[in-house]
């Protein structure tokens, strides 16, 4: 059975250091969303961080929420869908330094080198959503919206949302403070098996344009 951990936010260094690859994590406290729109606005556009952000939260969720404005002026969050984190690598070193963020949540992981060169040196780890289609499940852990920033300028998906959460998860621990990554480890195993599959391929029957038996010919 997978180990389950409940973290109160902002998460302490000791709590983060105790996380093990593959453990299941639930969060309690304030989680904020930020992706390329927010990163560019603050890091390149000269905007200031929202007041109180650093004191409130050290968890950045790469997320596009399903948010609906209610008659009472409050927002209902029906679901929170993670987005692919590897697209934001160029921003993360400066962002973590500026915000003291220690936990990144997203899907798909980061480039293998980023765990050791960006996250680990800054005492940060990566949590990933468990499978696809879990946005509604995760939405149940959002108790309310503490604040939303730059909604008019950036739109729902790109704005910075600050969620108060309880039992928010499940998330899987992808990386640790040594820079080890579950995604990277499993990727290496998969790639070894893929090589053996290529070695066993027969010659293409129809010789269609672009067919190959050599992995070095692939374009991704």
C-alpha atoms as a PDB file:
ATOM      1  CA  UNK A   1       0.000   0.000   0.000  1.00  0.00           C
ATOM      2  CA  UNK A   2       1.280   3.465  -0.890  1.00  0.00           C
ATOM      3  CA  UNK A   3       2.275   5.742   1.979  1.00  0.00           C
ATOM      4  CA  UNK A   4      -0.171   8.614   2.485  1.00  0.00           C
ATOM      5  CA  UNK A   5       0.936  11.986   3.849  1.00  0.00           C
ATOM      6  CA  UNK A   6      -1.061  15.044   4.914  1.00  0.00           C
ATOM      7  CA  UNK A   7       0.815  18.359   4.668  1.00  0.00           C
ATOM      8  CA  UNK A   8      -0.194  21.613   6.338  1.00  0.00           C
ATOM      9  CA  UNK A   9       0.756  24.704   4.336  1.00  0.00           C
ATOM     10  CA  UNK A  10       3.023  26.557   4.074  1.00  0.00           C
ATOM     11  CA  UNK A  11       4.983  23.286   4.149  1.00  0.00           C
ATOM     12  CA  UNK A  12       8.101  23.206   6.340  1.00  0.00           C
ATOM     13  CA  UNK A  13      11.496  22.096   5.090  1.00  0.00           C
ATOM     14  CA  UNK A  14      11.361  19.113   7.430  1.00  0.00           C
ATOM     15  CA  UNK A  15       7.992  17.996   6.051  1.00  0.00           C
ATOM     16  CA  UNK A  16       9.174  18.336   2.466  1.00  0.00           C
ATOM     17  CA  UNK A  17      12.438  16.514   3.189  1.00  0.00           C
ATOM     18  CA  UNK A  18      10.481  13.554   4.590  1.00  0.00           C
ATOM     19  CA  UNK A  19       8.539  12.985   1.358  1.00  0.00           C
ATOM     20  CA  UNK A  20       9.386   9.765  -0.460  1.00  0.00           C
ATOM     21  CA  UNK A  21       9.088   9.086  -4.177  1.00  0.00           C
ATOM     22  CA  UNK A  22       5.742   7.493  -4.955  1.00  0.00           C
ATOM     23  CA  UNK A  23       4.021   8.567  -1.733  1.00  0.00           C
ATOM     24  CA  UNK A  24       0.504  10.009  -1.918  1.00  0.00           C
ATOM     25  CA  UNK A  25       0.091  13.563  -0.612  1.00  0.00           C
ATOM     26  CA  UNK A  26      -2.938  15.582   0.520  1.00  0.00           C
ATOM     27  CA  UNK A  27      -2.645  19.319   1.231  1.00  0.00           C
ATOM     28  CA  UNK A  28      -4.301  21.655   3.751  1.00  0.00           C
ATOM     29  CA  UNK A  29      -4.001  25.433   3.601  1.00  0.00           C
ATOM     30  CA  UNK A  30      -3.464  27.881   0.730  1.00  0.00           C
ATOM     31  CA  UNK A  31      -2.392  26.795  -2.761  1.00  0.00           C
ATOM     32  CA  UNK A  32      -1.879  29.344  -5.543  1.00  0.00           C
ATOM     33  CA  UNK A  33      -1.978  28.900  -9.311  1.00  0.00           C
ATOM     34  CA  UNK A  34       0.586  30.469 -11.612  1.00  0.00           C
ATOM     35  CA  UNK A  35       1.721  29.575 -15.105  1.00  0.00           C
ATOM     36  CA  UNK A  36       3.228  31.428 -18.079  1.00  0.00           C
ATOM     37  CA  UNK A  37       0.840  34.391 -17.967  1.00  0.00           C
ATOM     38  CA  UNK A  38       1.646  35.200 -14.343  1.00  0.00           C
ATOM     39  CA  UNK A  39       5.334  34.338 -14.689  1.00  0.00           C
ATOM     40  CA  UNK A  40       5.783  36.658 -17.659  1.00  0.00           C
ATOM     41  CA  UNK A  41       3.788  39.461 -16.062  1.00  0.00           C
ATOM     42  CA  UNK A  42       5.855  39.456 -12.880  1.00  0.00           C
ATOM     43  CA  UNK A  43       9.291  38.322 -14.029  1.00  0.00           C
ATOM     44  CA  UNK A  44       9.358  40.281 -17.304  1.00  0.00           C
ATOM     45  CA  UNK A  45       6.528  42.799 -17.086  1.00  0.00           C
ATOM     46  CA  UNK A  46       7.378  44.545 -13.836  1.00  0.00           C
ATOM     47  CA  UNK A  47       4.234  43.629 -11.859  1.00  0.00           C
ATOM     48  CA  UNK A  48       4.621  43.014  -8.134  1.00  0.00           C
ATOM     49  CA  UNK A  49       3.742  39.831  -6.279  1.00  0.00           C
ATOM     50  CA  UNK A  50       0.353  40.000  -4.541  1.00  0.00           C
ATOM     51  CA  UNK A  51       0.709  41.183  -0.976  1.00  0.00           C
ATOM     52  CA  UNK A  52       0.902  38.313   1.491  1.00  0.00           C
ATOM     53  CA  UNK A  53       1.523  35.595  -1.097  1.00  0.00           C
ATOM     54  CA  UNK A  54       4.872  34.462   0.280  1.00  0.00           C
ATOM     55  CA  UNK A  55       3.582  34.306   3.854  1.00  0.00           C
ATOM     56  CA  UNK A  56       0.408  32.461   2.832  1.00  0.00           C
ATOM     57  CA  UNK A  57       1.650  29.727   0.543  1.00  0.00           C
ATOM     58  CA  UNK A  58       4.717  27.999  -0.849  1.00  0.00           C
ATOM     59  CA  UNK A  59       2.793  25.731  -3.240  1.00  0.00           C
ATOM     60  CA  UNK A  60       2.414  26.625  -6.931  1.00  0.00           C
ATOM     61  CA  UNK A  61      -0.180  24.607  -8.864  1.00  0.00           C
ATOM     62  CA  UNK A  62       0.170  24.600 -12.664  1.00  0.00           C
ATOM     63  CA  UNK A  63      -3.543  24.607 -13.201  1.00  0.00           C
ATOM     64  CA  UNK A  64      -6.519  25.776 -15.217  1.00  0.00           C
ATOM     65  CA  UNK A  65      -9.557  25.978 -12.917  1.00  0.00           C
ATOM     66  CA  UNK A  66     -13.203  25.621 -13.845  1.00  0.00           C
ATOM     67  CA  UNK A  67     -14.418  28.748 -12.054  1.00  0.00           C
ATOM     68  CA  UNK A  68     -17.960  30.110 -12.044  1.00  0.00           C
ATOM     69  CA  UNK A  69     -19.026  33.412 -10.486  1.00  0.00           C
ATOM     70  CA  UNK A  70     -22.060  32.977  -8.224  1.00  0.00           C
ATOM     71  CA  UNK A  71     -24.837  35.437  -7.397  1.00  0.00           C
ATOM     72  CA  UNK A  72     -23.200  36.225  -4.037  1.00  0.00           C
ATOM     73  CA  UNK A  73     -20.029  37.384  -5.794  1.00  0.00           C
ATOM     74  CA  UNK A  74     -18.012  34.348  -4.737  1.00  0.00           C
ATOM     75  CA  UNK A  75     -16.478  31.808  -7.089  1.00  0.00           C
ATOM     76  CA  UNK A  76     -17.421  28.155  -7.265  1.00  0.00           C
ATOM     77  CA  UNK A  77     -14.559  25.906  -8.367  1.00  0.00           C
ATOM     78  CA  UNK A  78     -15.994  22.878 -10.110  1.00  0.00           C
ATOM     79  CA  UNK A  79     -12.658  21.366 -11.032  1.00  0.00           C
ATOM     80  CA  UNK A  80      -8.939  22.112 -11.181  1.00  0.00           C
ATOM     81  CA  UNK A  81      -7.131  20.561 -14.132  1.00  0.00           C
ATOM     82  CA  UNK A  82      -3.347  20.332 -14.020  1.00  0.00           C
ATOM     83  CA  UNK A  83      -1.340  21.460 -17.017  1.00  0.00           C
ATOM     84  CA  UNK A  84       2.040  20.219 -18.284  1.00  0.00           C
ATOM     85  CA  UNK A  85       4.854  21.722 -16.229  1.00  0.00           C
ATOM     86  CA  UNK A  86       7.766  21.138 -18.610  1.00  0.00           C
ATOM     87  CA  UNK A  87       6.595  24.169 -20.641  1.00  0.00           C
ATOM     88  CA  UNK A  88       7.532  26.521 -17.801  1.00  0.00           C
ATOM     89  CA  UNK A  89      11.149  25.471 -17.199  1.00  0.00           C
ATOM     90  CA  UNK A  90      12.592  28.770 -18.390  1.00  0.00           C
ATOM     91  CA  UNK A  91      10.734  30.666 -15.662  1.00  0.00           C
ATOM     92  CA  UNK A  92      11.087  28.392 -12.653  1.00  0.00           C
ATOM     93  CA  UNK A  93      14.533  29.214 -11.259  1.00  0.00           C
ATOM     94  CA  UNK A  94      13.728  32.937 -11.003  1.00  0.00           C
ATOM     95  CA  UNK A  95      10.198  32.215  -9.802  1.00  0.00           C
ATOM     96  CA  UNK A  96      11.287  29.943  -6.970  1.00  0.00           C
ATOM     97  CA  UNK A  97      13.938  32.449  -5.884  1.00  0.00           C
ATOM     98  CA  UNK A  98      11.422  35.304  -5.883  1.00  0.00           C
ATOM     99  CA  UNK A  99       8.545  33.531  -4.133  1.00  0.00           C
ATOM    100  CA  UNK A 100      10.300  30.962  -1.929  1.00  0.00           C
ATOM    101  CA  UNK A 101       7.971  28.346  -3.411  1.00  0.00           C
ATOM    102  CA  UNK A 102       8.885  24.827  -2.290  1.00  0.00           C
ATOM    103  CA  UNK A 103       6.289  22.614  -3.973  1.00  0.00           C
ATOM    104  CA  UNK A 104       5.324  22.594  -7.642  1.00  0.00           C
ATOM    105  CA  UNK A 105       2.215  20.669  -8.702  1.00  0.00           C
ATOM    106  CA  UNK A 106       1.461  19.783 -12.295  1.00  0.00           C
ATOM    107  CA  UNK A 107       1.270  16.879 -14.693  1.00  0.00           C
ATOM    108  CA  UNK A 108       3.839  15.102 -16.815  1.00  0.00           C
ATOM    109  CA  UNK A 109       6.879  16.062 -14.766  1.00  0.00           C
ATOM    110  CA  UNK A 110       9.830  18.260 -15.644  1.00  0.00           C
ATOM    111  CA  UNK A 111      12.879  17.690 -17.860  1.00  0.00           C
ATOM    112  CA  UNK A 112      15.174  15.326 -15.933  1.00  0.00           C
ATOM    113  CA  UNK A 113      17.916  17.937 -15.524  1.00  0.00           C
ATOM    114  CA  UNK A 114      15.509  20.447 -13.934  1.00  0.00           C
ATOM    115  CA  UNK A 115      15.043  18.346 -10.810  1.00  0.00           C
ATOM    116  CA  UNK A 116      18.749  18.522 -10.005  1.00  0.00           C
ATOM    117  CA  UNK A 117      19.571  21.992 -11.341  1.00  0.00           C
ATOM    118  CA  UNK A 118      16.424  23.977 -10.444  1.00  0.00           C
ATOM    119  CA  UNK A 119      14.252  22.259  -7.830  1.00  0.00           C
ATOM    120  CA  UNK A 120      16.645  20.388  -5.520  1.00  0.00           C
ATOM    121  CA  UNK A 121      19.144  23.255  -4.970  1.00  0.00           C
ATOM    122  CA  UNK A 122      16.225  25.412  -3.835  1.00  0.00           C
ATOM    123  CA  UNK A 123      14.731  22.838  -1.482  1.00  0.00           C
ATOM    124  CA  UNK A 124      11.748  22.279  -3.764  1.00  0.00           C
ATOM    125  CA  UNK A 125       9.950  19.140  -4.941  1.00  0.00           C
ATOM    126  CA  UNK A 126       7.458  18.215  -7.627  1.00  0.00           C
ATOM    127  CA  UNK A 127       4.050  16.607  -7.079  1.00  0.00           C
ATOM    128  CA  UNK A 128       2.042  15.216  -9.965  1.00  0.00           C
ATOM    129  CA  UNK A 129      -1.656  14.591 -10.407  1.00  0.00           C
ATOM    130  CA  UNK A 130      -2.620  10.922 -10.417  1.00  0.00           C
ATOM    131  CA  UNK A 131      -3.802   9.967 -13.900  1.00  0.00           C
ATOM    132  CA  UNK A 132      -6.005  12.048 -16.181  1.00  0.00           C
ATOM    133  CA  UNK A 133      -9.566  13.262 -15.715  1.00  0.00           C
ATOM    134  CA  UNK A 134      -9.097  13.982 -12.000  1.00  0.00           C
ATOM    135  CA  UNK A 135      -9.977  17.684 -12.154  1.00  0.00           C
ATOM    136  CA  UNK A 136     -13.427  17.227 -10.608  1.00  0.00           C
ATOM    137  CA  UNK A 137     -12.019  14.967  -7.879  1.00  0.00           C
ATOM    138  CA  UNK A 138      -9.376  17.529  -6.960  1.00  0.00           C
ATOM    139  CA  UNK A 139     -12.002  20.271  -7.048  1.00  0.00           C
ATOM    140  CA  UNK A 140     -13.701  18.686  -4.041  1.00  0.00           C
ATOM    141  CA  UNK A 141     -10.700  19.703  -1.955  1.00  0.00           C
ATOM    142  CA  UNK A 142     -11.087  23.400  -2.788  1.00  0.00           C
ATOM    143  CA  UNK A 143     -13.048  25.007   0.027  1.00  0.00           C
ATOM    144  CA  UNK A 144     -13.023  28.493  -1.412  1.00  0.00           C
ATOM    145  CA  UNK A 145     -11.200  31.251  -3.295  1.00  0.00           C
ATOM    146  CA  UNK A 146      -9.184  33.519  -1.032  1.00  0.00           C
ATOM    147  CA  UNK A 147      -8.322  35.899  -3.888  1.00  0.00           C
ATOM    148  CA  UNK A 148      -7.880  36.060  -7.636  1.00  0.00           C
ATOM    149  CA  UNK A 149      -5.367  38.355  -9.359  1.00  0.00           C
ATOM    150  CA  UNK A 150      -5.240  39.659 -12.949  1.00  0.00           C
ATOM    151  CA  UNK A 151      -8.439  37.862 -13.940  1.00  0.00           C
ATOM    152  CA  UNK A 152      -9.523  40.568 -16.397  1.00  0.00           C
ATOM    153  CA  UNK A 153      -6.078  40.864 -17.954  1.00  0.00           C
ATOM    154  CA  UNK A 154      -5.158  37.182 -18.188  1.00  0.00           C
ATOM    155  CA  UNK A 155      -8.436  35.258 -18.150  1.00  0.00           C
ATOM    156  CA  UNK A 156      -9.563  32.337 -16.012  1.00  0.00           C
ATOM    157  CA  UNK A 157      -6.887  29.845 -17.068  1.00  0.00           C
ATOM    158  CA  UNK A 158      -3.905  32.205 -16.696  1.00  0.00           C
ATOM    159  CA  UNK A 159      -4.929  34.326 -13.696  1.00  0.00           C
ATOM    160  CA  UNK A 160      -3.442  33.718 -10.273  1.00  0.00           C
ATOM    161  CA  UNK A 161      -5.984  31.987  -8.046  1.00  0.00           C
ATOM    162  CA  UNK A 162      -5.453  31.481  -4.339  1.00  0.00           C
ATOM    163  CA  UNK A 163      -7.415  28.467  -3.115  1.00  0.00           C
ATOM    164  CA  UNK A 164      -8.090  27.460   0.452  1.00  0.00           C
ATOM    165  CA  UNK A 165      -7.912  23.679   0.398  1.00  0.00           C
ATOM    166  CA  UNK A 166      -8.519  20.746   2.717  1.00  0.00           C
ATOM    167  CA  UNK A 167      -7.553  17.140   2.001  1.00  0.00           C
ATOM    168  CA  UNK A 168      -6.568  18.416  -1.433  1.00  0.00           C
ATOM    169  CA  UNK A 169      -5.337  15.530  -3.543  1.00  0.00           C
ATOM    170  CA  UNK A 170      -4.348  12.848  -4.199  1.00  0.00           C
ATOM    171  CA  UNK A 171      -0.979  13.913  -5.572  1.00  0.00           C
ATOM    172  CA  UNK A 172       1.991  11.638  -6.160  1.00  0.00           C
ATOM    173  CA  UNK A 173       5.498  12.608  -5.029  1.00  0.00           C
ATOM    174  CA  UNK A 174       7.550  12.742  -8.221  1.00  0.00           C
ATOM    175  CA  UNK A 175      10.791  14.268  -6.924  1.00  0.00           C
ATOM    176  CA  UNK A 176      12.767  14.612  -3.702  1.00  0.00           C
ATOM    177  CA  UNK A 177      15.346  17.035  -2.327  1.00  0.00           C
ATOM    178  CA  UNK A 178      18.182  14.996  -3.834  1.00  0.00           C
ATOM    179  CA  UNK A 179      16.820  15.641  -7.319  1.00  0.00           C
ATOM    180  CA  UNK A 180      15.626  12.085  -7.880  1.00  0.00           C
ATOM    181  CA  UNK A 181      12.500  11.789 -10.029  1.00  0.00           C
ATOM    182  CA  UNK A 182       9.982   8.997 -10.424  1.00  0.00           C
ATOM    183  CA  UNK A 183       9.201  10.165 -13.957  1.00  0.00           C
ATOM    184  CA  UNK A 184      12.888  10.191 -14.901  1.00  0.00           C
ATOM    185  CA  UNK A 185      13.539   6.765 -13.388  1.00  0.00           C
ATOM    186  CA  UNK A 186      10.581   5.160 -15.125  1.00  0.00           C
ATOM    187  CA  UNK A 187      11.413   6.931 -18.369  1.00  0.00           C
ATOM    188  CA  UNK A 188      14.841   5.304 -18.415  1.00  0.00           C
ATOM    189  CA  UNK A 189      13.281   1.865 -17.948  1.00  0.00           C
ATOM    190  CA  UNK A 190      10.750   2.450 -20.719  1.00  0.00           C
ATOM    191  CA  UNK A 191      13.409   3.702 -23.126  1.00  0.00           C
ATOM    192  CA  UNK A 192      15.471   0.547 -22.610  1.00  0.00           C
ATOM    193  CA  UNK A 193      12.487  -1.585 -23.605  1.00  0.00           C
ATOM    194  CA  UNK A 194      11.703   0.631 -26.610  1.00  0.00           C
ATOM    195  CA  UNK A 195      15.218   0.049 -27.953  1.00  0.00           C
ATOM    196  CA  UNK A 196      14.656  -3.713 -27.906  1.00  0.00           C
ATOM    197  CA  UNK A 197      11.361  -3.262 -29.785  1.00  0.00           C
ATOM    198  CA  UNK A 198      13.116  -1.371 -32.570  1.00  0.00           C
ATOM    199  CA  UNK A 199      15.758  -4.066 -32.829  1.00  0.00           C
ATOM    200  CA  UNK A 200      13.047  -6.640 -33.539  1.00  0.00           C
ATOM    201  CA  UNK A 201      11.157  -4.717 -36.216  1.00  0.00           C
ATOM    202  CA  UNK A 202      10.794  -6.224 -39.651  1.00  0.00           C
ATOM    203  CA  UNK A 203      11.394  -4.195 -42.798  1.00  0.00           C
ATOM    204  CA  UNK A 204       8.396  -1.949 -43.667  1.00  0.00           C
ATOM    205  CA  UNK A 205       6.010  -3.763 -45.977  1.00  0.00           C
ATOM    206  CA  UNK A 206       4.861  -0.713 -47.937  1.00  0.00           C
ATOM    207  CA  UNK A 207       7.894   1.511 -47.473  1.00  0.00           C
ATOM    208  CA  UNK A 208       5.735   4.562 -46.742  1.00  0.00           C
ATOM    209  CA  UNK A 209       7.426   7.922 -46.533  1.00  0.00           C
ATOM    210  CA  UNK A 210       9.152   8.431 -43.207  1.00  0.00           C
ATOM    211  CA  UNK A 211       9.091   4.829 -42.000  1.00  0.00           C
ATOM    212  CA  UNK A 212      12.229   3.786 -40.163  1.00  0.00           C
ATOM    213  CA  UNK A 213      13.706   1.067 -37.992  1.00  0.00           C
ATOM    214  CA  UNK A 214      16.301   3.408 -36.503  1.00  0.00           C
ATOM    215  CA  UNK A 215      15.355   5.436 -33.425  1.00  0.00           C
ATOM    216  CA  UNK A 216      17.908   8.098 -34.364  1.00  0.00           C
ATOM    217  CA  UNK A 217      15.749   8.924 -37.373  1.00  0.00           C
ATOM    218  CA  UNK A 218      12.806   9.910 -35.186  1.00  0.00           C
ATOM    219  CA  UNK A 219      11.684  13.516 -34.987  1.00  0.00           C
ATOM    220  CA  UNK A 220       9.731  14.451 -31.829  1.00  0.00           C
END
